[in-house]
Amino acid sequence: MVLMSRIDRLPSQLQAALAEHRLLKVIAGLTNFDAGSVERISRAAGLGGADLIDLACDPELVALAAGVSSLPICVSAVDPELFPAAVAAGAAMVEIGNYDAFYSLGRVFDAAEVLAITRRTRELLPEVVLSVTVPHVLPLDQQEQLAIDLVEAGADLIQTEGGTSAKPFSPGTLGLIEKAAPTLAATHAISRALTDAGHQAPVLCASGLSSVTVPMAIGAGAAGVGVGSAVNRLSDPLAMVAVVRGLREALGSGVQSGLNTRFNTNLSA
């Protein structure tokens, strides 16, 4: 009951997207503190029909994103002490991870550390919705157990990752599927493990996804997806909106009524 009461505090459209397994989160990047980039990504997310924006944990970025989009905002970090200020600035939820930006630096998060961060975050923010990423460097059986432990420690949502470990060797559609394979496998394993353990925490599939593979994520058991580089690596606003729209269409219905009108009238804003 406590778990659901926290999720029930989310904006109604976000609750509906989770319940209907069609949530689309656009990720600006945990280490992306560039205001111009965050503004472009936030605007594209709103115009393209996303449900949620995921930003680096910074109160000024929260205010910036809120000024260009009406979408709820999630902030991501690995330091729990950063979260309260961003929540005070208007973030609707917080997320631990994902960890893709750290692997190239040789920084690896193990199960014990992720659990410790989760417990501290819950101490600081007992009523705020908390999503926690399960590190893909763990074997799948350990990812399953960690997900269960995280929910029991206070996580409301579990997120998967895996794009940085994928080594696609095929072109085109097959390569896109190969890129998404690790996070899809984690989503399937974790969602089943949570269900078998009697937990109802939604699973978000993220890292390495594209319009080809987001429907597969839902089929694997995800309540929604998080997409970052497919959008945030672009610099052209029109192209960014087009990619978000393509993801929205691939994921399913739920685009707000009037989206086309807002796109035509607000893109130049």
Protein backbone atom coordinates (compact mmCIF):
# COMPACT_ATOMS: atom_id res chain seq x y z
CA MET A 1 0.00 0.00 0.00
CA VAL A 2 2.86 2.42 0.74
CA LEU A 3 4.38 1.68 -2.67
CA MET A 4 1.18 2.46 -4.51
CA SER A 5 0.48 5.54 -2.45
CA ARG A 6 3.76 7.04 -3.61
CA ILE A 7 3.12 6.26 -7.26
CA ASP A 8 -0.35 7.70 -6.84
CA ARG A 9 1.31 11.05 -6.11
CA LEU A 10 2.63 11.22 -9.67
CA PRO A 11 0.73 13.33 -12.20
CA SER A 12 -2.29 11.44 -13.48
CA GLN A 13 -1.02 11.23 -17.07
CA LEU A 14 2.18 9.61 -15.83
CA GLN A 15 0.25 7.10 -13.75
CA ALA A 16 -1.87 6.24 -16.79
CA ALA A 17 1.20 5.75 -19.00
CA LEU A 18 2.69 3.33 -16.46
CA ALA A 19 -0.57 1.45 -15.98
CA GLU A 20 -1.03 1.10 -19.74
CA HIS A 21 2.60 0.05 -20.34
CA ARG A 22 3.38 2.89 -22.72
CA LEU A 23 5.50 5.33 -20.73
CA LEU A 24 8.12 7.14 -22.81
CA LYS A 25 10.92 8.85 -20.93
CA VAL A 26 13.43 11.03 -22.78
CA ILE A 27 16.82 11.12 -21.06
CA ALA A 28 18.97 14.23 -21.30
CA GLY A 29 21.84 12.53 -19.48
CA LEU A 30 23.00 12.17 -15.90
CA THR A 31 26.17 14.13 -16.65
CA ASN A 32 24.62 16.62 -19.10
CA PHE A 33 24.63 20.01 -17.39
CA ASP A 34 24.63 22.00 -20.62
CA ALA A 35 21.64 24.35 -20.35
CA GLY A 36 21.23 24.73 -24.10
CA SER A 37 21.22 21.00 -24.66
CA VAL A 38 18.77 20.37 -21.83
CA GLU A 39 16.45 23.06 -23.18
CA ARG A 40 16.44 21.52 -26.69
CA ILE A 41 15.88 18.01 -25.36
CA SER A 42 13.10 19.11 -23.00
CA ARG A 43 11.31 21.01 -25.74
CA ALA A 44 11.59 18.09 -28.16
CA ALA A 45 10.32 15.66 -25.51
CA GLY A 46 7.22 17.76 -24.97
CA LEU A 47 6.51 18.41 -28.63
CA GLY A 48 7.17 14.81 -29.60
CA GLY A 49 4.72 13.28 -27.15
CA ALA A 50 6.96 11.90 -24.39
CA ASP A 51 5.57 11.36 -20.89
CA LEU A 52 8.62 12.21 -18.77
CA ILE A 53 11.94 14.06 -18.98
CA ASP A 54 15.00 12.69 -17.17
CA LEU A 55 17.63 15.30 -16.28
CA ALA A 56 20.89 15.60 -14.40
CA CYS A 57 20.14 16.40 -10.78
CA ASP A 58 20.36 20.19 -10.72
CA PRO A 59 17.65 22.62 -9.51
CA GLU A 60 18.43 25.14 -12.25
CA LEU A 61 18.00 22.49 -14.96
CA VAL A 62 14.68 21.47 -13.40
CA ALA A 63 13.47 25.06 -13.59
CA LEU A 64 14.76 25.38 -17.16
CA ALA A 65 13.01 22.22 -18.34
CA ALA A 66 9.78 23.21 -16.61
CA GLY A 67 9.87 26.50 -18.46
CA VAL A 68 9.89 24.92 -21.93
CA SER A 69 7.77 21.81 -21.36
CA SER A 70 4.79 20.86 -19.24
CA LEU A 71 6.05 17.29 -18.81
CA PRO A 72 6.86 15.86 -15.37
CA ILE A 73 10.56 15.84 -14.55
CA CYS A 74 12.73 13.07 -13.14
CA VAL A 75 16.24 13.85 -11.90
CA SER A 76 19.05 11.30 -11.93
CA ALA A 77 22.15 11.05 -9.75
CA VAL A 78 24.24 8.61 -7.74
CA ASP A 79 24.62 10.97 -4.77
CA PRO A 80 21.47 10.96 -2.62
CA GLU A 81 22.32 14.30 -1.03
CA LEU A 82 21.68 16.04 -4.37
CA PHE A 83 18.07 14.96 -4.66
CA PRO A 84 16.22 17.13 -2.11
CA ALA A 85 17.11 20.45 -3.75
CA ALA A 86 15.97 19.21 -7.16
CA VAL A 87 12.68 17.95 -5.69
CA ALA A 88 12.17 21.32 -4.04
CA ALA A 89 12.69 22.90 -7.47
CA GLY A 90 9.86 20.84 -8.92
CA ALA A 91 11.11 17.36 -9.85
CA ALA A 92 8.27 14.82 -9.65
CA MET A 93 10.53 11.84 -9.02
CA VAL A 94 14.17 10.85 -8.56
CA GLU A 95 16.32 8.12 -10.03
CA ILE A 96 19.52 6.40 -9.00
CA GLY A 97 21.51 5.74 -12.17
CA ASN A 98 21.76 4.75 -14.83
CA TYR A 99 25.48 4.16 -14.73
CA ASP A 100 26.49 4.23 -18.41
CA ALA A 101 28.44 7.47 -18.05
CA PHE A 102 30.65 5.95 -15.35
CA TYR A 103 31.75 2.71 -16.97
CA SER A 104 34.20 4.37 -19.35
CA LEU A 105 35.84 5.93 -16.29
CA GLY A 106 36.30 2.55 -14.66
CA ARG A 107 33.62 3.27 -12.07
CA VAL A 108 31.45 0.24 -11.32
CA PHE A 109 28.51 0.10 -8.92
CA ASP A 110 27.95 -3.19 -7.12
CA ALA A 111 24.77 -4.43 -5.47
CA ALA A 112 25.76 -3.35 -1.96
CA GLU A 113 26.50 0.22 -3.03
CA VAL A 114 23.27 0.57 -5.00
CA LEU A 115 21.31 -0.71 -2.01
CA ALA A 116 23.08 1.74 0.30
CA ILE A 117 22.32 4.66 -2.04
CA THR A 118 18.69 3.54 -2.22
CA ARG A 119 18.28 3.36 1.54
CA ARG A 120 19.85 6.77 2.04
CA THR A 121 17.65 8.30 -0.67
CA ARG A 122 14.56 6.86 0.96
CA GLU A 123 15.66 8.30 4.32
CA LEU A 124 16.03 11.75 2.77
CA LEU A 125 12.84 11.58 0.68
CA PRO A 126 10.38 9.18 2.29
CA GLU A 127 7.41 10.28 0.17
CA VAL A 128 9.01 10.90 -3.25
CA VAL A 129 8.75 8.33 -6.05
CA LEU A 130 12.11 6.61 -6.48
CA SER A 131 13.38 4.72 -9.50
CA VAL A 132 16.58 2.69 -9.19
CA THR A 133 18.70 1.30 -12.00
CA VAL A 134 20.07 -2.23 -11.67
CA PRO A 135 23.69 -2.33 -12.93
CA HIS A 136 23.96 -4.44 -16.06
CA VAL A 137 27.48 -5.57 -15.10
CA LEU A 138 25.90 -8.02 -12.66
CA PRO A 139 24.94 -11.52 -13.88
CA LEU A 140 21.23 -11.78 -14.62
CA ASP A 141 20.44 -13.85 -11.54
CA GLN A 142 22.12 -11.20 -9.37
CA GLN A 143 20.22 -8.46 -11.19
CA GLU A 144 16.98 -10.27 -10.35
CA GLN A 145 17.85 -10.54 -6.67
CA LEU A 146 19.03 -6.95 -6.46
CA ALA A 147 15.79 -5.72 -8.01
CA ILE A 148 13.82 -7.59 -5.34
CA ASP A 149 16.06 -6.20 -2.60
CA LEU A 150 15.72 -2.67 -3.98
CA VAL A 151 11.92 -2.79 -3.94
CA GLU A 152 12.01 -4.08 -0.39
CA ALA A 153 14.37 -1.20 0.48
CA GLY A 154 11.92 1.39 -0.87
CA ALA A 155 12.34 1.60 -4.65
CA ASP A 156 9.07 2.28 -6.47
CA LEU A 157 10.31 1.54 -9.97
CA ILE A 158 13.19 -0.53 -11.31
CA GLN A 159 15.14 0.47 -14.41
CA THR A 160 17.36 -1.72 -16.56
CA GLU A 161 20.39 -0.81 -18.63
CA GLY A 162 22.87 -2.53 -20.91
CA GLY A 163 23.52 -0.47 -24.02
CA THR A 164 27.18 0.13 -23.22
CA SER A 165 27.93 -3.59 -22.99
CA ALA A 166 26.25 -4.47 -26.30
CA LYS A 167 28.50 -5.07 -29.28
CA PRO A 168 26.26 -5.08 -32.35
CA PHE A 169 27.99 -6.41 -35.44
CA SER A 170 25.15 -6.23 -37.96
CA PRO A 171 23.84 -3.25 -39.92
CA GLY A 172 20.30 -1.98 -39.97
CA THR A 173 17.45 -3.47 -37.99
CA LEU A 174 19.39 -6.51 -36.82
CA GLY A 175 22.09 -4.27 -35.40
CA LEU A 176 19.49 -2.24 -33.48
CA ILE A 177 18.14 -5.45 -31.95
CA GLU A 178 21.64 -6.59 -31.03
CA LYS A 179 22.26 -3.23 -29.37
CA ALA A 180 19.17 -3.57 -27.21
CA ALA A 181 19.59 -7.25 -26.34
CA PRO A 182 21.22 -6.82 -22.88
CA THR A 183 18.61 -4.40 -21.54
CA LEU A 184 15.77 -6.44 -23.06
CA ALA A 185 17.09 -9.59 -21.40
CA ALA A 186 17.37 -7.79 -18.05
CA THR A 187 13.84 -6.43 -18.40
CA HIS A 188 12.42 -9.89 -19.01
CA ALA A 189 14.34 -11.49 -16.15
CA ILE A 190 13.70 -8.73 -13.62
CA SER A 191 10.01 -8.26 -14.38
CA ARG A 192 9.39 -11.98 -13.94
CA ALA A 193 11.46 -12.13 -10.75
CA LEU A 194 9.54 -9.22 -9.22
CA THR A 195 6.21 -10.81 -10.12
CA ASP A 196 7.28 -14.16 -8.70
CA ALA A 197 8.31 -12.38 -5.47
CA GLY A 198 4.91 -10.74 -5.21
CA HIS A 199 6.08 -7.21 -6.05
CA GLN A 200 4.19 -4.90 -8.40
CA ALA A 201 6.94 -2.35 -9.02
CA PRO A 202 6.93 -1.25 -12.68
CA VAL A 203 10.07 -1.92 -14.73
CA LEU A 204 11.48 0.71 -17.09
CA CYS A 205 13.70 -0.55 -19.90
CA ALA A 206 16.48 1.86 -20.88
CA SER A 207 19.85 2.10 -22.63
CA GLY A 208 20.45 1.19 -26.25
CA LEU A 209 16.82 1.37 -27.38
CA SER A 210 15.42 2.64 -30.67
CA SER A 211 12.03 2.80 -32.39
CA VAL A 212 12.68 -0.76 -33.55
CA THR A 213 13.18 -2.16 -30.06
CA VAL A 214 10.89 -0.15 -27.76
CA PRO A 215 7.92 -2.41 -28.61
CA MET A 216 10.12 -5.40 -27.71
CA ALA A 217 10.77 -3.83 -24.31
CA ILE A 218 7.06 -3.73 -23.60
CA GLY A 219 6.73 -7.32 -24.76
CA ALA A 220 9.55 -8.26 -22.38
CA GLY A 221 7.59 -6.92 -19.43
CA ALA A 222 8.42 -3.22 -19.21
CA ALA A 223 5.85 -0.63 -18.20
CA GLY A 224 7.81 1.97 -20.12
CA VAL A 225 11.09 2.84 -21.77
CA GLY A 226 13.84 5.39 -21.36
CA VAL A 227 15.63 6.64 -24.47
CA GLY A 228 18.66 8.90 -24.35
CA SER A 229 21.27 8.94 -27.10
CA ALA A 230 18.77 8.46 -29.91
CA VAL A 231 17.54 11.96 -29.03
CA ASN A 232 20.22 13.75 -27.03
CA ARG A 233 23.03 13.16 -29.54
CA LEU A 234 21.15 15.27 -32.09
CA SER A 235 21.41 19.05 -32.37
CA ASP A 236 18.68 19.84 -34.91
CA PRO A 237 15.39 20.58 -33.07
CA LEU A 238 13.27 19.27 -35.95
CA ALA A 239 15.19 16.00 -36.05
CA MET A 240 14.91 15.61 -32.27
CA VAL A 241 11.13 16.06 -32.32
CA ALA A 242 10.88 13.62 -35.23
CA VAL A 243 12.79 10.96 -33.31
CA VAL A 244 10.64 11.40 -30.20
CA ARG A 245 7.51 11.18 -32.34
CA GLY A 246 8.81 8.01 -33.96
CA LEU A 247 9.45 6.49 -30.55
CA ARG A 248 5.99 7.53 -29.41
CA GLU A 249 4.38 5.91 -32.43
CA ALA A 250 6.44 2.74 -32.02
CA LEU A 251 5.54 2.50 -28.34
CA GLY A 252 1.83 2.98 -28.83
CA SER A 253 -0.92 5.49 -28.32
CA GLY A 254 -1.06 8.07 -25.60
CA VAL A 255 0.06 11.14 -27.47
CA GLN A 256 -1.80 14.05 -25.97
CA SER A 257 -4.61 15.50 -28.04
CA GLY A 258 -3.56 18.62 -29.82
CA LEU A 259 0.05 17.46 -30.25
CA ASN A 260 0.14 18.40 -33.92
CA THR A 261 -1.15 21.87 -33.14
CA ARG A 262 1.40 22.39 -30.38
CA PHE A 263 4.17 21.17 -32.67
CA ASN A 264 3.28 23.62 -35.42
CA THR A 265 2.77 26.60 -33.12
CA ASN A 266 5.51 26.04 -30.51
CA LEU A 267 8.52 24.70 -32.37
CA SER A 268 9.75 28.18 -33.15
CA ALA A 269 9.31 29.33 -29.53
